[in-house]
C-alpha atoms as a PDB file:
ATOM      1  CA  THR A   1      19.013  -7.558   8.376  1.00  0.00           C
ATOM      2  CA  TYR A   2      15.408  -6.669   9.138  1.00  0.00           C
ATOM      3  CA  GLN A   3      13.341  -5.902   6.052  1.00  0.00           C
ATOM      4  CA  PRO A   4       9.812  -4.784   7.027  1.00  0.00           C
ATOM      5  CA  HIS A   5       8.855  -4.144   3.405  1.00  0.00           C
ATOM      6  CA  ALA A   6       9.729  -7.698   2.383  1.00  0.00           C
ATOM      7  CA  ASN A   7       7.730  -9.106   5.297  1.00  0.00           C
ATOM      8  CA  TRP A   8       4.834  -6.763   4.514  1.00  0.00           C
ATOM      9  CA  SER A   9       4.755  -7.929   0.880  1.00  0.00           C
ATOM     10  CA  PHE A  10       4.788 -11.549   2.006  1.00  0.00           C
ATOM     11  CA  ALA A  11       1.987 -10.824   4.481  1.00  0.00           C
ATOM     12  CA  ASN A  12      -0.108  -9.181   1.766  1.00  0.00           C
ATOM     13  CA  ILE A  13       0.272 -12.220  -0.487  1.00  0.00           C
ATOM     14  CA  SER A  14      -0.649 -14.576   2.352  1.00  0.00           C
ATOM     15  CA  VAL A  15      -3.727 -12.550   3.260  1.00  0.00           C
ATOM     16  CA  LYS A  16      -4.807 -12.357  -0.379  1.00  0.00           C
ATOM     17  CA  ASP A  17      -4.513 -16.128  -0.788  1.00  0.00           C
ATOM     18  CA  TRP A  18      -6.360 -16.669   2.497  1.00  0.00           C
ATOM     19  CA  LEU A  19      -9.224 -14.396   1.457  1.00  0.00           C
ATOM     20  CA  GLU A  20      -9.520 -16.131  -1.915  1.00  0.00           C
ATOM     21  CA  ASN A  21      -9.684 -19.521  -0.204  1.00  0.00           C
ATOM     22  CA  LEU A  22     -12.254 -18.213   2.269  1.00  0.00           C
ATOM     23  CA  LYS A  23     -14.450 -16.884  -0.544  1.00  0.00           C
ATOM     24  CA  ALA A  24     -14.263 -20.252  -2.309  1.00  0.00           C
ATOM     25  CA  ILE A  25     -15.355 -22.035   0.869  1.00  0.00           C
ATOM     26  CA  ILE A  26     -18.259 -19.623   1.359  1.00  0.00           C
ATOM     27  CA  ASP A  27     -19.371 -20.119  -2.248  1.00  0.00           C
ATOM     28  CA  ASN A  28     -19.392 -23.891  -1.729  1.00  0.00           C
ATOM     29  CA  LEU A  29     -21.419 -23.566   1.471  1.00  0.00           C
ATOM     30  CA  GLU A  30     -24.006 -21.334  -0.195  1.00  0.00           C
ATOM     31  CA  ARG A  31     -24.597 -23.795  -3.032  1.00  0.00           C
END
């Protein structure tokens, strides 16, 4: 069974985590 909403939620979580990690890396580079 294809569940686009479930995949979309998972994608949102992955993107959020990725952005948070990216921000942390940028902060470290700026220091």
